[in-house]
Each structure stands twice: as C-alpha cells, then as structure tokens.
Amino acid sequence: MINKIRNYIMDKEFRLTLFKDKLYVINYNKIISLENTNISFKIDKGKIIIKGNDLVLKKLLDKEILVKGKISSIEVKYD
C-alpha cells in the first residue's frame, strides 16, 4: 500500500484521461492559453491543445487539472 501511494506521489509522467465530457490532465508544466473554445498546456516535450465549446476548468491542483465541456479535438505538438 505504501509503495502505491509513493508511486502516485512521485509520478512525473504526463498523462491525459478522456471521459465523455471531461479531460483529466496530469503533470503538465503550465497553462499557455485559457479560452472557452481553446485551452493549451505546455508539457516537457511540446504542448497540448484542446479545442471545443464551453470549456471550463473544474478542478485545478498542482500539476493536475480537469477540463469540462464539449471537447472536439485534442492535439499534441512535440518540439
């Protein structure tokens, strides 16, 4: 049990989890832009661009974010 908690806390890998009307983002570097039709994040090796309608941040923690809305596309651009 302790190892599972330690692995969760020490995890530095970027991850996206897509749900029906939500996107959970873990281990991003910073938010580049925040609009109701476009949200972009800086990651270690590039950036993520989320496009859609009525996009809002529902949860904002250190390196974790939950985006809610009608997501139409997710684009990953590597440097």
PDB file of N, CA and C in Angstrom:
ATOM      1  N   MET A   1       0.823  -1.200   0.000  1.00  0.00           N
ATOM      2  CA  MET A   1       0.000   0.000   0.000  1.00  0.00           C
ATOM      3  C   MET A   1       0.864   1.261   0.000  1.00  0.00           C
ATOM      4  N   ILE A   2       1.885   1.276   0.820  1.00  0.00           N
ATOM      5  CA  ILE A   2       2.785   2.427   0.894  1.00  0.00           C
ATOM      6  C   ILE A   2       3.468   2.647  -0.452  1.00  0.00           C
ATOM      7  N   ASN A   3       3.868   1.564  -1.120  1.00  0.00           N
ATOM      8  CA  ASN A   3       4.519   1.699  -2.425  1.00  0.00           C
ATOM      9  C   ASN A   3       3.576   2.309  -3.463  1.00  0.00           C
ATOM     10  N   LYS A   4       2.303   1.948  -3.446  1.00  0.00           N
ATOM     11  CA  LYS A   4       1.336   2.515  -4.380  1.00  0.00           C
ATOM     12  C   LYS A   4       1.181   4.010  -4.159  1.00  0.00           C
ATOM     13  N   ILE A   5       1.109   4.425  -2.914  1.00  0.00           N
ATOM     14  CA  ILE A   5       1.000   5.852  -2.583  1.00  0.00           C
ATOM     15  C   ILE A   5       2.262   6.586  -3.014  1.00  0.00           C
ATOM     16  N   ARG A   6       3.422   6.025  -2.738  1.00  0.00           N
ATOM     17  CA  ARG A   6       4.694   6.638  -3.106  1.00  0.00           C
ATOM     18  C   ARG A   6       4.792   6.776  -4.627  1.00  0.00           C
ATOM     19  N   ASN A   7       4.414   5.729  -5.368  1.00  0.00           N
ATOM     20  CA  ASN A   7       4.456   5.790  -6.835  1.00  0.00           C
ATOM     21  C   ASN A   7       3.527   6.866  -7.373  1.00  0.00           C
ATOM     22  N   TYR A   8       2.343   7.016  -6.780  1.00  0.00           N
ATOM     23  CA  TYR A   8       1.408   8.058  -7.214  1.00  0.00           C
ATOM     24  C   TYR A   8       1.981   9.448  -6.970  1.00  0.00           C
ATOM     25  N   ILE A   9       2.557   9.657  -5.809  1.00  0.00           N
ATOM     26  CA  ILE A   9       3.110  10.966  -5.455  1.00  0.00           C
ATOM     27  C   ILE A   9       4.334  11.296  -6.304  1.00  0.00           C
ATOM     28  N   MET A  10       5.169  10.324  -6.592  1.00  0.00           N
ATOM     29  CA  MET A  10       6.415  10.545  -7.307  1.00  0.00           C
ATOM     30  C   MET A  10       6.266  10.474  -8.830  1.00  0.00           C
ATOM     31  N   ASP A  11       5.085  10.171  -9.320  1.00  0.00           N
ATOM     32  CA  ASP A  11       4.853  10.033 -10.756  1.00  0.00           C
ATOM     33  C   ASP A  11       5.048  11.376 -11.459  1.00  0.00           C
ATOM     34  N   LYS A  12       5.936  11.432 -12.440  1.00  0.00           N
ATOM     35  CA  LYS A  12       6.219  12.664 -13.184  1.00  0.00           C
ATOM     36  C   LYS A  12       5.797  12.551 -14.643  1.00  0.00           C
ATOM     37  N   GLU A  13       5.202  11.436 -15.038  1.00  0.00           N
ATOM     38  CA  GLU A  13       4.828  11.205 -16.433  1.00  0.00           C
ATOM     39  C   GLU A  13       3.562  11.968 -16.795  1.00  0.00           C
ATOM     40  N   PHE A  14       3.617  12.647 -17.943  1.00  0.00           N
ATOM     41  CA  PHE A  14       2.458  13.366 -18.437  1.00  0.00           C
ATOM     42  C   PHE A  14       1.382  12.361 -18.844  1.00  0.00           C
ATOM     43  N   ARG A  15       0.119  12.677 -18.521  1.00  0.00           N
ATOM     44  CA  ARG A  15      -0.974  11.757 -18.830  1.00  0.00           C
ATOM     45  C   ARG A  15      -2.259  12.520 -19.092  1.00  0.00           C
ATOM     46  N   LEU A  16      -3.022  12.037 -20.077  1.00  0.00           N
ATOM     47  CA  LEU A  16      -4.361  12.545 -20.370  1.00  0.00           C
ATOM     48  C   LEU A  16      -5.341  11.399 -20.196  1.00  0.00           C
ATOM     49  N   THR A  17      -6.479  11.681 -19.580  1.00  0.00           N
ATOM     50  CA  THR A  17      -7.559  10.707 -19.490  1.00  0.00           C
ATOM     51  C   THR A  17      -8.825  11.393 -19.982  1.00  0.00           C
ATOM     52  N   LEU A  18      -9.402  10.848 -21.051  1.00  0.00           N
ATOM     53  CA  LEU A  18     -10.571  11.448 -21.681  1.00  0.00           C
ATOM     54  C   LEU A  18     -11.832  10.701 -21.254  1.00  0.00           C
ATOM     55  N   PHE A  19     -12.812  11.452 -20.780  1.00  0.00           N
ATOM     56  CA  PHE A  19     -14.133  10.938 -20.433  1.00  0.00           C
ATOM     57  C   PHE A  19     -15.130  11.534 -21.427  1.00  0.00           C
ATOM     58  N   LYS A  20     -16.390  11.253 -21.269  1.00  0.00           N
ATOM     59  CA  LYS A  20     -17.408  11.723 -22.212  1.00  0.00           C
ATOM     60  C   LYS A  20     -17.373  13.244 -22.398  1.00  0.00           C
ATOM     61  N   ASP A  21     -17.408  13.987 -21.320  1.00  0.00           N
ATOM     62  CA  ASP A  21     -17.411  15.453 -21.414  1.00  0.00           C
ATOM     63  C   ASP A  21     -16.349  16.091 -20.529  1.00  0.00           C
ATOM     64  N   LYS A  22     -15.285  15.327 -20.231  1.00  0.00           N
ATOM     65  CA  LYS A  22     -14.221  15.824 -19.360  1.00  0.00           C
ATOM     66  C   LYS A  22     -12.874  15.326 -19.856  1.00  0.00           C
ATOM     67  N   LEU A  23     -11.853  16.055 -19.515  1.00  0.00           N
ATOM     68  CA  LEU A  23     -10.479  15.651 -19.805  1.00  0.00           C
ATOM     69  C   LEU A  23      -9.660  15.906 -18.548  1.00  0.00           C
ATOM     70  N   TYR A  24      -9.007  14.873 -18.064  1.00  0.00           N
ATOM     71  CA  TYR A  24      -8.174  14.961 -16.875  1.00  0.00           C
ATOM     72  C   TYR A  24      -6.722  14.998 -17.336  1.00  0.00           C
ATOM     73  N   VAL A  25      -5.985  16.031 -16.950  1.00  0.00           N
ATOM     74  CA  VAL A  25      -4.608  16.238 -17.368  1.00  0.00           C
ATOM     75  C   VAL A  25      -3.717  16.176 -16.130  1.00  0.00           C
ATOM     76  N   ILE A  26      -2.670  15.351 -16.210  1.00  0.00           N
ATOM     77  CA  ILE A  26      -1.752  15.191 -15.079  1.00  0.00           C
ATOM     78  C   ILE A  26      -0.329  15.501 -15.540  1.00  0.00           C
ATOM     79  N   ASN A  27       0.398  16.227 -14.730  1.00  0.00           N
ATOM     80  CA  ASN A  27       1.816  16.532 -14.927  1.00  0.00           C
ATOM     81  C   ASN A  27       2.088  17.418 -16.140  1.00  0.00           C
ATOM     82  N   TYR A  28       1.302  18.464 -16.298  1.00  0.00           N
ATOM     83  CA  TYR A  28       1.595  19.488 -17.299  1.00  0.00           C
ATOM     84  C   TYR A  28       2.513  20.521 -16.659  1.00  0.00           C
ATOM     85  N   ASN A  29       3.171  21.341 -17.463  1.00  0.00           N
ATOM     86  CA  ASN A  29       4.085  22.348 -16.917  1.00  0.00           C
ATOM     87  C   ASN A  29       3.391  23.664 -16.592  1.00  0.00           C
ATOM     88  N   LYS A  30       2.604  24.164 -17.569  1.00  0.00           N
ATOM     89  CA  LYS A  30       1.875  25.407 -17.322  1.00  0.00           C
ATOM     90  C   LYS A  30       0.749  25.541 -18.335  1.00  0.00           C
ATOM     91  N   ILE A  31      -0.218  26.377 -18.012  1.00  0.00           N
ATOM     92  CA  ILE A  31      -1.311  26.680 -18.921  1.00  0.00           C
ATOM     93  C   ILE A  31      -0.841  27.814 -19.833  1.00  0.00           C
ATOM     94  N   ILE A  32      -0.922  27.593 -21.146  1.00  0.00           N
ATOM     95  CA  ILE A  32      -0.497  28.601 -22.117  1.00  0.00           C
ATOM     96  C   ILE A  32      -1.655  29.538 -22.447  1.00  0.00           C
ATOM     97  N   SER A  33      -2.822  28.967 -22.767  1.00  0.00           N
ATOM     98  CA  SER A  33      -3.988  29.794 -23.064  1.00  0.00           C
ATOM     99  C   SER A  33      -5.224  29.147 -22.461  1.00  0.00           C
ATOM    100  N   LEU A  34      -6.182  30.001 -22.132  1.00  0.00           N
ATOM    101  CA  LEU A  34      -7.407  29.538 -21.481  1.00  0.00           C
ATOM    102  C   LEU A  34      -8.575  30.343 -22.039  1.00  0.00           C
ATOM    103  N   GLU A  35      -9.305  29.728 -22.955  1.00  0.00           N
ATOM    104  CA  GLU A  35     -10.489  30.344 -23.548  1.00  0.00           C
ATOM    105  C   GLU A  35     -11.603  29.309 -23.536  1.00  0.00           C
ATOM    106  N   ASN A  36     -12.829  29.722 -23.779  1.00  0.00           N
ATOM    107  CA  ASN A  36     -13.932  28.756 -23.719  1.00  0.00           C
ATOM    108  C   ASN A  36     -13.982  27.844 -24.947  1.00  0.00           C
ATOM    109  N   THR A  37     -13.168  28.117 -25.980  1.00  0.00           N
ATOM    110  CA  THR A  37     -13.111  27.243 -27.156  1.00  0.00           C
ATOM    111  C   THR A  37     -11.738  26.618 -27.366  1.00  0.00           C
ATOM    112  N   ASN A  38     -10.751  27.008 -26.556  1.00  0.00           N
ATOM    113  CA  ASN A  38      -9.384  26.544 -26.760  1.00  0.00           C
ATOM    114  C   ASN A  38      -8.611  26.640 -25.448  1.00  0.00           C
ATOM    115  N   ILE A  39      -8.007  25.537 -25.034  1.00  0.00           N
ATOM    116  CA  ILE A  39      -7.134  25.535 -23.858  1.00  0.00           C
ATOM    117  C   ILE A  39      -5.856  24.829 -24.274  1.00  0.00           C
ATOM    118  N   SER A  40      -4.700  25.422 -23.965  1.00  0.00           N
ATOM    119  CA  SER A  40      -3.440  24.769 -24.296  1.00  0.00           C
ATOM    120  C   SER A  40      -2.530  24.717 -23.077  1.00  0.00           C
ATOM    121  N   PHE A  41      -1.736  23.650 -23.032  1.00  0.00           N
ATOM    122  CA  PHE A  41      -0.828  23.379 -21.924  1.00  0.00           C
ATOM    123  C   PHE A  41       0.573  23.131 -22.452  1.00  0.00           C
ATOM    124  N   LYS A  42       1.563  23.584 -21.725  1.00  0.00           N
ATOM    125  CA  LYS A  42       2.954  23.264 -22.012  1.00  0.00           C
ATOM    126  C   LYS A  42       3.275  21.961 -21.292  1.00  0.00           C
ATOM    127  N   ILE A  43       3.919  21.045 -22.009  1.00  0.00           N
ATOM    128  CA  ILE A  43       4.418  19.806 -21.406  1.00  0.00           C
ATOM    129  C   ILE A  43       5.922  19.751 -21.666  1.00  0.00           C
ATOM    130  N   ASP A  44       6.620  18.801 -21.063  1.00  0.00           N
ATOM    131  CA  ASP A  44       8.078  18.745 -21.187  1.00  0.00           C
ATOM    132  C   ASP A  44       8.572  18.764 -22.624  1.00  0.00           C
ATOM    133  N   LYS A  45       7.914  18.038 -23.508  1.00  0.00           N
ATOM    134  CA  LYS A  45       8.426  17.900 -24.874  1.00  0.00           C
ATOM    135  C   LYS A  45       7.543  18.571 -25.922  1.00  0.00           C
ATOM    136  N   GLY A  46       6.694  19.509 -25.536  1.00  0.00           N
ATOM    137  CA  GLY A  46       5.842  20.180 -26.503  1.00  0.00           C
ATOM    138  C   GLY A  46       4.651  20.839 -25.851  1.00  0.00           C
ATOM    139  N   LYS A  47       3.485  20.715 -26.517  1.00  0.00           N
ATOM    140  CA  LYS A  47       2.272  21.292 -25.947  1.00  0.00           C
ATOM    141  C   LYS A  47       1.042  20.491 -26.370  1.00  0.00           C
ATOM    142  N   ILE A  48      -0.024  20.662 -25.596  1.00  0.00           N
ATOM    143  CA  ILE A  48      -1.316  20.029 -25.830  1.00  0.00           C
ATOM    144  C   ILE A  48      -2.311  21.143 -26.110  1.00  0.00           C
ATOM    145  N   ILE A  49      -3.111  20.972 -27.155  1.00  0.00           N
ATOM    146  CA  ILE A  49      -4.148  21.945 -27.500  1.00  0.00           C
ATOM    147  C   ILE A  49      -5.497  21.238 -27.478  1.00  0.00           C
ATOM    148  N   ILE A  50      -6.398  21.727 -26.658  1.00  0.00           N
ATOM    149  CA  ILE A  50      -7.741  21.171 -26.540  1.00  0.00           C
ATOM    150  C   ILE A  50      -8.698  22.164 -27.180  1.00  0.00           C
ATOM    151  N   LYS A  51      -9.512  21.679 -28.113  1.00  0.00           N
ATOM    152  CA  LYS A  51     -10.489  22.544 -28.777  1.00  0.00           C
ATOM    153  C   LYS A  51     -11.885  22.003 -28.531  1.00  0.00           C
ATOM    154  N   GLY A  52     -12.846  22.909 -28.437  1.00  0.00           N
ATOM    155  CA  GLY A  52     -14.220  22.521 -28.205  1.00  0.00           C
ATOM    156  C   GLY A  52     -15.085  23.734 -27.911  1.00  0.00           C
ATOM    157  N   ASN A  53     -16.175  23.504 -27.200  1.00  0.00           N
ATOM    158  CA  ASN A  53     -17.106  24.566 -26.818  1.00  0.00           C
ATOM    159  C   ASN A  53     -17.384  24.480 -25.330  1.00  0.00           C
ATOM    160  N   ASP A  54     -17.611  25.633 -24.729  1.00  0.00           N
ATOM    161  CA  ASP A  54     -17.944  25.718 -23.306  1.00  0.00           C
ATOM    162  C   ASP A  54     -16.890  25.048 -22.427  1.00  0.00           C
ATOM    163  N   LEU A  55     -15.611  25.191 -22.766  1.00  0.00           N
ATOM    164  CA  LEU A  55     -14.535  24.590 -21.988  1.00  0.00           C
ATOM    165  C   LEU A  55     -14.283  25.410 -20.725  1.00  0.00           C
ATOM    166  N   VAL A  56     -14.258  24.745 -19.593  1.00  0.00           N
ATOM    167  CA  VAL A  56     -14.001  25.396 -18.311  1.00  0.00           C
ATOM    168  C   VAL A  56     -13.108  24.490 -17.467  1.00  0.00           C
ATOM    169  N   LEU A  57     -12.373  25.119 -16.551  1.00  0.00           N
ATOM    170  CA  LEU A  57     -11.578  24.365 -15.589  1.00  0.00           C
ATOM    171  C   LEU A  57     -12.452  24.073 -14.389  1.00  0.00           C
ATOM    172  N   LYS A  58     -12.621  22.800 -14.076  1.00  0.00           N
ATOM    173  CA  LYS A  58     -13.463  22.420 -12.943  1.00  0.00           C
ATOM    174  C   LYS A  58     -12.627  22.108 -11.705  1.00  0.00           C
ATOM    175  N   LYS A  59     -11.381  21.755 -11.915  1.00  0.00           N
ATOM    176  CA  LYS A  59     -10.525  21.395 -10.793  1.00  0.00           C
ATOM    177  C   LYS A  59      -9.116  21.796 -11.166  1.00  0.00           C
ATOM    178  N   LEU A  60      -8.439  22.487 -10.276  1.00  0.00           N
ATOM    179  CA  LEU A  60      -7.083  22.925 -10.550  1.00  0.00           C
ATOM    180  C   LEU A  60      -6.230  22.655  -9.320  1.00  0.00           C
ATOM    181  N   LEU A  61      -5.347  21.688  -9.441  1.00  0.00           N
ATOM    182  CA  LEU A  61      -4.409  21.357  -8.378  1.00  0.00           C
ATOM    183  C   LEU A  61      -2.999  21.490  -8.941  1.00  0.00           C
ATOM    184  N   ASP A  62      -2.013  21.328  -8.104  1.00  0.00           N
ATOM    185  CA  ASP A  62      -0.631  21.378  -8.550  1.00  0.00           C
ATOM    186  C   ASP A  62      -0.383  20.262  -9.565  1.00  0.00           C
ATOM    187  N   LYS A  63      -0.183  20.624 -10.811  1.00  0.00           N
ATOM    188  CA  LYS A  63       0.122  19.702 -11.919  1.00  0.00           C
ATOM    189  C   LYS A  63      -1.040  18.797 -12.317  1.00  0.00           C
ATOM    190  N   GLU A  64      -2.244  19.063 -11.829  1.00  0.00           N
ATOM    191  CA  GLU A  64      -3.432  18.301 -12.212  1.00  0.00           C
ATOM    192  C   GLU A  64      -4.564  19.267 -12.530  1.00  0.00           C
ATOM    193  N   ILE A  65      -5.311  18.953 -13.587  1.00  0.00           N
ATOM    194  CA  ILE A  65      -6.405  19.829 -13.983  1.00  0.00           C
ATOM    195  C   ILE A  65      -7.522  18.999 -14.610  1.00  0.00           C
ATOM    196  N   LEU A  66      -8.745  19.429 -14.417  1.00  0.00           N
ATOM    197  CA  LEU A  66      -9.902  18.786 -15.023  1.00  0.00           C
ATOM    198  C   LEU A  66     -10.590  19.816 -15.910  1.00  0.00           C
ATOM    199  N   VAL A  67     -10.674  19.529 -17.205  1.00  0.00           N
ATOM    200  CA  VAL A  67     -11.324  20.398 -18.179  1.00  0.00           C
ATOM    201  C   VAL A  67     -12.677  19.787 -18.497  1.00  0.00           C
ATOM    202  N   LYS A  68     -13.722  20.591 -18.424  1.00  0.00           N
ATOM    203  CA  LYS A  68     -15.070  20.113 -18.719  1.00  0.00           C
ATOM    204  C   LYS A  68     -15.641  20.924 -19.864  1.00  0.00           C
ATOM    205  N   GLY A  69     -16.436  20.278 -20.708  1.00  0.00           N
ATOM    206  CA  GLY A  69     -17.066  20.940 -21.834  1.00  0.00           C
ATOM    207  C   GLY A  69     -17.222  19.981 -22.998  1.00  0.00           C
ATOM    208  N   LYS A  70     -17.602  20.520 -24.148  1.00  0.00           N
ATOM    209  CA  LYS A  70     -17.770  19.714 -25.362  1.00  0.00           C
ATOM    210  C   LYS A  70     -16.439  19.699 -26.100  1.00  0.00           C
ATOM    211  N   ILE A  71     -15.650  18.676 -25.874  1.00  0.00           N
ATOM    212  CA  ILE A  71     -14.317  18.564 -26.457  1.00  0.00           C
ATOM    213  C   ILE A  71     -14.444  18.013 -27.876  1.00  0.00           C
ATOM    214  N   SER A  72     -13.917  18.761 -28.851  1.00  0.00           N
ATOM    215  CA  SER A  72     -13.988  18.304 -30.241  1.00  0.00           C
ATOM    216  C   SER A  72     -12.663  17.730 -30.733  1.00  0.00           C
ATOM    217  N   SER A  73     -11.540  18.211 -30.178  1.00  0.00           N
ATOM    218  CA  SER A  73     -10.250  17.655 -30.591  1.00  0.00           C
ATOM    219  C   SER A  73      -9.192  17.892 -29.523  1.00  0.00           C
ATOM    220  N   ILE A  74      -8.212  16.995 -29.540  1.00  0.00           N
ATOM    221  CA  ILE A  74      -7.035  17.114 -28.680  1.00  0.00           C
ATOM    222  C   ILE A  74      -5.830  16.945 -29.586  1.00  0.00           C
ATOM    223  N   GLU A  75      -4.972  17.938 -29.584  1.00  0.00           N
ATOM    224  CA  GLU A  75      -3.798  17.916 -30.463  1.00  0.00           C
ATOM    225  C   GLU A  75      -2.533  17.938 -29.620  1.00  0.00           C
ATOM    226  N   VAL A  76      -1.600  17.059 -29.949  1.00  0.00           N
ATOM    227  CA  VAL A  76      -0.314  17.009 -29.259  1.00  0.00           C
ATOM    228  C   VAL A  76       0.743  17.460 -30.248  1.00  0.00           C
ATOM    229  N   LYS A  77       1.495  18.501 -29.888  1.00  0.00           N
ATOM    230  CA  LYS A  77       2.578  19.004 -30.738  1.00  0.00           C
ATOM    231  C   LYS A  77       3.892  18.847 -29.977  1.00  0.00           C
ATOM    232  N   TYR A  78       4.780  18.046 -30.545  1.00  0.00           N
ATOM    233  CA  TYR A  78       6.096  17.837 -29.925  1.00  0.00           C
ATOM    234  C   TYR A  78       7.109  18.794 -30.517  1.00  0.00           C
ATOM    235  N   ASP A  79       8.038  19.257 -29.669  1.00  0.00           N
ATOM    236  CA  ASP A  79       9.101  20.165 -30.122  1.00  0.00           C
ATOM    237  C   ASP A  79      10.070  19.430 -31.016  1.00  0.00           C
TER     238      ASP A  79
END
